[in-house]
């Protein structure tokens, strides 16, 4: 399989702790929290400084574990000679992979910010959180009408 981190053995809790430590270490973060469903972390929420003298942006970082698990299951069904596994067998690996990819993404985006290749807003705009939905969810919900038609 030609995917990054698909065989990660790092537990989700360790990956999430690494994301938190990295973000805090950048000096850009003013607060950080976790959102749970039962005992499972479903999101990291953090406030990030985007411009001196302005209130920080709230960001909600999620990992779509269910879609990752679905991909692993479909790939297994497509390639396995004997199908003795069930979809649930892929849950832990899907969580590891999904969160590890988020860690890599955060590290790359934050490095780009620190090297002045991108602004905080450019890097995290899709994840900016207003307390109810992300910016991406808002524009997706409107059918992307806020983007306007392409200019000629």
C-alpha atoms as a PDB file:
ATOM      1  CA  UNK A   1       0.000   0.000   0.000  1.00  0.00           C
ATOM      2  CA  UNK A   2       1.480   3.341  -0.997  1.00  0.00           C
ATOM      3  CA  UNK A   3       0.231   5.370   1.972  1.00  0.00           C
ATOM      4  CA  UNK A   4       2.144   7.328   4.574  1.00  0.00           C
ATOM      5  CA  UNK A   5       1.898   5.939   8.120  1.00  0.00           C
ATOM      6  CA  UNK A   6      -0.483   3.114   7.229  1.00  0.00           C
ATOM      7  CA  UNK A   7       1.511   0.709   9.381  1.00  0.00           C
ATOM      8  CA  UNK A   8       2.194   3.050  12.306  1.00  0.00           C
ATOM      9  CA  UNK A   9       2.609   1.265  15.626  1.00  0.00           C
ATOM     10  CA  UNK A  10       2.497   4.461  17.689  1.00  0.00           C
ATOM     11  CA  UNK A  11      -0.544   4.511  20.012  1.00  0.00           C
ATOM     12  CA  UNK A  12      -3.042   7.306  19.359  1.00  0.00           C
ATOM     13  CA  UNK A  13      -2.512   8.768  22.845  1.00  0.00           C
ATOM     14  CA  UNK A  14       1.224   9.155  22.171  1.00  0.00           C
ATOM     15  CA  UNK A  15       0.612  10.803  18.797  1.00  0.00           C
ATOM     16  CA  UNK A  16      -1.889  13.252  20.285  1.00  0.00           C
ATOM     17  CA  UNK A  17       0.563  14.084  23.085  1.00  0.00           C
ATOM     18  CA  UNK A  18       3.251  14.728  20.469  1.00  0.00           C
ATOM     19  CA  UNK A  19       0.927  17.068  18.564  1.00  0.00           C
ATOM     20  CA  UNK A  20       0.174  18.974  21.757  1.00  0.00           C
ATOM     21  CA  UNK A  21       3.838  19.209  22.763  1.00  0.00           C
ATOM     22  CA  UNK A  22       4.868  20.339  19.299  1.00  0.00           C
ATOM     23  CA  UNK A  23       2.167  23.013  19.127  1.00  0.00           C
ATOM     24  CA  UNK A  24       3.006  24.307  22.588  1.00  0.00           C
ATOM     25  CA  UNK A  25       6.710  24.326  21.684  1.00  0.00           C
ATOM     26  CA  UNK A  26       6.092  26.650  18.733  1.00  0.00           C
ATOM     27  CA  UNK A  27       5.056  29.481  21.039  1.00  0.00           C
ATOM     28  CA  UNK A  28       2.075  30.182  18.780  1.00  0.00           C
ATOM     29  CA  UNK A  29      -0.485  28.443  20.989  1.00  0.00           C
ATOM     30  CA  UNK A  30      -2.338  30.190  23.833  1.00  0.00           C
ATOM     31  CA  UNK A  31      -4.565  27.286  24.885  1.00  0.00           C
ATOM     32  CA  UNK A  32      -5.200  23.652  24.041  1.00  0.00           C
ATOM     33  CA  UNK A  33      -7.934  21.112  24.888  1.00  0.00           C
ATOM     34  CA  UNK A  34      -9.296  17.747  23.792  1.00  0.00           C
ATOM     35  CA  UNK A  35     -12.795  16.724  22.793  1.00  0.00           C
ATOM     36  CA  UNK A  36     -13.904  13.200  23.681  1.00  0.00           C
ATOM     37  CA  UNK A  37     -16.548  10.697  22.686  1.00  0.00           C
ATOM     38  CA  UNK A  38     -16.566   8.283  25.601  1.00  0.00           C
ATOM     39  CA  UNK A  39     -12.881   7.710  26.323  1.00  0.00           C
ATOM     40  CA  UNK A  40     -11.751   8.354  22.752  1.00  0.00           C
ATOM     41  CA  UNK A  41     -10.240  11.670  21.698  1.00  0.00           C
ATOM     42  CA  UNK A  42     -12.159  12.950  18.686  1.00  0.00           C
ATOM     43  CA  UNK A  43     -10.568  16.381  18.315  1.00  0.00           C
ATOM     44  CA  UNK A  44      -7.848  18.712  19.493  1.00  0.00           C
ATOM     45  CA  UNK A  45      -8.947  22.285  19.996  1.00  0.00           C
ATOM     46  CA  UNK A  46      -6.365  25.025  20.299  1.00  0.00           C
ATOM     47  CA  UNK A  47      -6.044  28.777  20.122  1.00  0.00           C
ATOM     48  CA  UNK A  48      -3.311  30.034  17.852  1.00  0.00           C
ATOM     49  CA  UNK A  49      -1.904  33.540  17.526  1.00  0.00           C
ATOM     50  CA  UNK A  50      -2.222  34.760  13.970  1.00  0.00           C
ATOM     51  CA  UNK A  51      -1.372  38.430  14.420  1.00  0.00           C
ATOM     52  CA  UNK A  52       0.112  40.320  17.364  1.00  0.00           C
ATOM     53  CA  UNK A  53      -2.457  42.385  19.210  1.00  0.00           C
ATOM     54  CA  UNK A  54      -5.433  40.373  17.917  1.00  0.00           C
ATOM     55  CA  UNK A  55      -7.398  37.644  19.610  1.00  0.00           C
ATOM     56  CA  UNK A  56      -6.131  34.169  18.690  1.00  0.00           C
ATOM     57  CA  UNK A  57      -8.009  31.914  16.275  1.00  0.00           C
ATOM     58  CA  UNK A  58      -9.727  28.812  17.601  1.00  0.00           C
ATOM     59  CA  UNK A  59      -8.813  25.697  15.639  1.00  0.00           C
ATOM     60  CA  UNK A  60     -10.451  22.271  15.726  1.00  0.00           C
ATOM     61  CA  UNK A  61      -8.248  19.447  14.481  1.00  0.00           C
ATOM     62  CA  UNK A  62      -9.960  16.120  13.867  1.00  0.00           C
ATOM     63  CA  UNK A  63      -8.904  12.792  12.416  1.00  0.00           C
ATOM     64  CA  UNK A  64     -11.498  10.987  10.335  1.00  0.00           C
ATOM     65  CA  UNK A  65     -10.843   7.529  11.734  1.00  0.00           C
ATOM     66  CA  UNK A  66     -14.024   6.031  10.279  1.00  0.00           C
ATOM     67  CA  UNK A  67     -13.056   6.889   6.705  1.00  0.00           C
ATOM     68  CA  UNK A  68      -9.544   5.573   7.271  1.00  0.00           C
ATOM     69  CA  UNK A  69     -10.999   2.321   8.609  1.00  0.00           C
ATOM     70  CA  UNK A  70     -13.333   2.097   5.619  1.00  0.00           C
ATOM     71  CA  UNK A  71     -10.378   2.503   3.265  1.00  0.00           C
ATOM     72  CA  UNK A  72      -8.400  -0.240   5.036  1.00  0.00           C
ATOM     73  CA  UNK A  73     -11.408  -2.562   4.941  1.00  0.00           C
ATOM     74  CA  UNK A  74     -12.059  -2.015   1.232  1.00  0.00           C
ATOM     75  CA  UNK A  75      -8.378  -2.467   0.453  1.00  0.00           C
ATOM     76  CA  UNK A  76      -8.302  -5.680   2.482  1.00  0.00           C
ATOM     77  CA  UNK A  77     -11.402  -7.073   0.746  1.00  0.00           C
ATOM     78  CA  UNK A  78      -9.896  -6.202  -2.631  1.00  0.00           C
ATOM     79  CA  UNK A  79      -6.532  -7.828  -2.007  1.00  0.00           C
ATOM     80  CA  UNK A  80      -6.984 -10.597   0.591  1.00  0.00           C
ATOM     81  CA  UNK A  81      -7.045 -14.170  -0.640  1.00  0.00           C
ATOM     82  CA  UNK A  82      -9.040 -15.353   2.328  1.00  0.00           C
ATOM     83  CA  UNK A  83     -11.314 -12.861   3.954  1.00  0.00           C
ATOM     84  CA  UNK A  84     -11.115 -13.996   7.582  1.00  0.00           C
ATOM     85  CA  UNK A  85     -11.002 -10.532   9.082  1.00  0.00           C
ATOM     86  CA  UNK A  86     -13.872  -8.213   9.851  1.00  0.00           C
ATOM     87  CA  UNK A  87     -14.027  -4.451   9.479  1.00  0.00           C
ATOM     88  CA  UNK A  88     -13.660  -3.936  13.237  1.00  0.00           C
ATOM     89  CA  UNK A  89     -10.204  -5.537  13.038  1.00  0.00           C
ATOM     90  CA  UNK A  90      -8.978  -2.368  11.337  1.00  0.00           C
ATOM     91  CA  UNK A  91     -10.246   0.151  13.928  1.00  0.00           C
ATOM     92  CA  UNK A  92      -7.064   0.516  16.003  1.00  0.00           C
ATOM     93  CA  UNK A  93      -4.785   0.775  12.969  1.00  0.00           C
ATOM     94  CA  UNK A  94      -7.133   3.283  11.343  1.00  0.00           C
ATOM     95  CA  UNK A  95      -6.984   5.486  14.453  1.00  0.00           C
ATOM     96  CA  UNK A  96      -3.191   5.252  14.588  1.00  0.00           C
ATOM     97  CA  UNK A  97      -2.852   6.139  10.921  1.00  0.00           C
ATOM     98  CA  UNK A  98      -5.408   8.953  10.916  1.00  0.00           C
ATOM     99  CA  UNK A  99      -3.887  10.708  13.935  1.00  0.00           C
ATOM    100  CA  UNK A 100      -0.307  10.161  12.763  1.00  0.00           C
ATOM    101  CA  UNK A 101      -1.194  11.845   9.475  1.00  0.00           C
ATOM    102  CA  UNK A 102      -2.619  14.780  11.437  1.00  0.00           C
ATOM    103  CA  UNK A 103       0.616  15.013  13.409  1.00  0.00           C
ATOM    104  CA  UNK A 104       2.646  15.140  10.200  1.00  0.00           C
ATOM    105  CA  UNK A 105       0.294  17.755   8.719  1.00  0.00           C
ATOM    106  CA  UNK A 106       0.497  19.980  11.819  1.00  0.00           C
ATOM    107  CA  UNK A 107       4.297  19.739  11.845  1.00  0.00           C
ATOM    108  CA  UNK A 108       4.561  20.668   8.160  1.00  0.00           C
ATOM    109  CA  UNK A 109       2.044  23.525   8.333  1.00  0.00           C
ATOM    110  CA  UNK A 110       3.590  24.959  11.492  1.00  0.00           C
ATOM    111  CA  UNK A 111       7.071  24.729   9.985  1.00  0.00           C
ATOM    112  CA  UNK A 112       5.818  26.607   6.921  1.00  0.00           C
ATOM    113  CA  UNK A 113       4.395  29.314   9.216  1.00  0.00           C
ATOM    114  CA  UNK A 114       7.630  29.657  11.157  1.00  0.00           C
ATOM    115  CA  UNK A 115       9.655  29.874   7.921  1.00  0.00           C
ATOM    116  CA  UNK A 116       7.272  32.600   6.663  1.00  0.00           C
ATOM    117  CA  UNK A 117       6.146  30.453   3.739  1.00  0.00           C
ATOM    118  CA  UNK A 118       2.514  30.651   4.892  1.00  0.00           C
ATOM    119  CA  UNK A 119       0.471  32.585   7.394  1.00  0.00           C
ATOM    120  CA  UNK A 120      -1.438  30.964  10.239  1.00  0.00           C
ATOM    121  CA  UNK A 121      -4.683  31.729   8.444  1.00  0.00           C
ATOM    122  CA  UNK A 122      -3.489  30.138   5.195  1.00  0.00           C
ATOM    123  CA  UNK A 123      -2.437  26.986   6.999  1.00  0.00           C
ATOM    124  CA  UNK A 124      -5.337  26.492   9.378  1.00  0.00           C
ATOM    125  CA  UNK A 125      -8.266  28.279   7.696  1.00  0.00           C
ATOM    126  CA  UNK A 126     -10.208  25.101   6.966  1.00  0.00           C
ATOM    127  CA  UNK A 127     -10.008  24.146  10.661  1.00  0.00           C
ATOM    128  CA  UNK A 128     -10.880  27.557  12.172  1.00  0.00           C
ATOM    129  CA  UNK A 129     -13.632  26.819  14.689  1.00  0.00           C
ATOM    130  CA  UNK A 130     -16.432  29.169  15.757  1.00  0.00           C
ATOM    131  CA  UNK A 131     -17.696  26.899  18.526  1.00  0.00           C
ATOM    132  CA  UNK A 132     -20.220  25.152  16.299  1.00  0.00           C
ATOM    133  CA  UNK A 133     -18.502  24.395  13.006  1.00  0.00           C
ATOM    134  CA  UNK A 134     -15.254  24.847  11.156  1.00  0.00           C
ATOM    135  CA  UNK A 135     -14.865  27.360   8.381  1.00  0.00           C
ATOM    136  CA  UNK A 136     -14.742  24.466   5.901  1.00  0.00           C
ATOM    137  CA  UNK A 137     -18.011  23.045   7.246  1.00  0.00           C
ATOM    138  CA  UNK A 138     -19.622  26.466   6.894  1.00  0.00           C
ATOM    139  CA  UNK A 139     -18.660  26.967   3.246  1.00  0.00           C
ATOM    140  CA  UNK A 140     -19.415  23.334   2.413  1.00  0.00           C
ATOM    141  CA  UNK A 141     -22.874  23.723   3.986  1.00  0.00           C
ATOM    142  CA  UNK A 142     -23.595  26.654   1.700  1.00  0.00           C
ATOM    143  CA  UNK A 143     -22.541  24.720  -1.381  1.00  0.00           C
ATOM    144  CA  UNK A 144     -19.319  26.750  -1.528  1.00  0.00           C
ATOM    145  CA  UNK A 145     -21.326  29.844  -2.559  1.00  0.00           C
ATOM    146  CA  UNK A 146     -19.131  32.086  -0.399  1.00  0.00           C
ATOM    147  CA  UNK A 147     -16.248  31.427  -2.747  1.00  0.00           C
ATOM    148  CA  UNK A 148     -18.018  33.109  -5.655  1.00  0.00           C
ATOM    149  CA  UNK A 149     -17.681  32.296  -9.345  1.00  0.00           C
ATOM    150  CA  UNK A 150     -14.262  32.234 -10.990  1.00  0.00           C
ATOM    151  CA  UNK A 151     -13.225  35.533 -12.521  1.00  0.00           C
ATOM    152  CA  UNK A 152     -12.752  35.639 -16.271  1.00  0.00           C
END
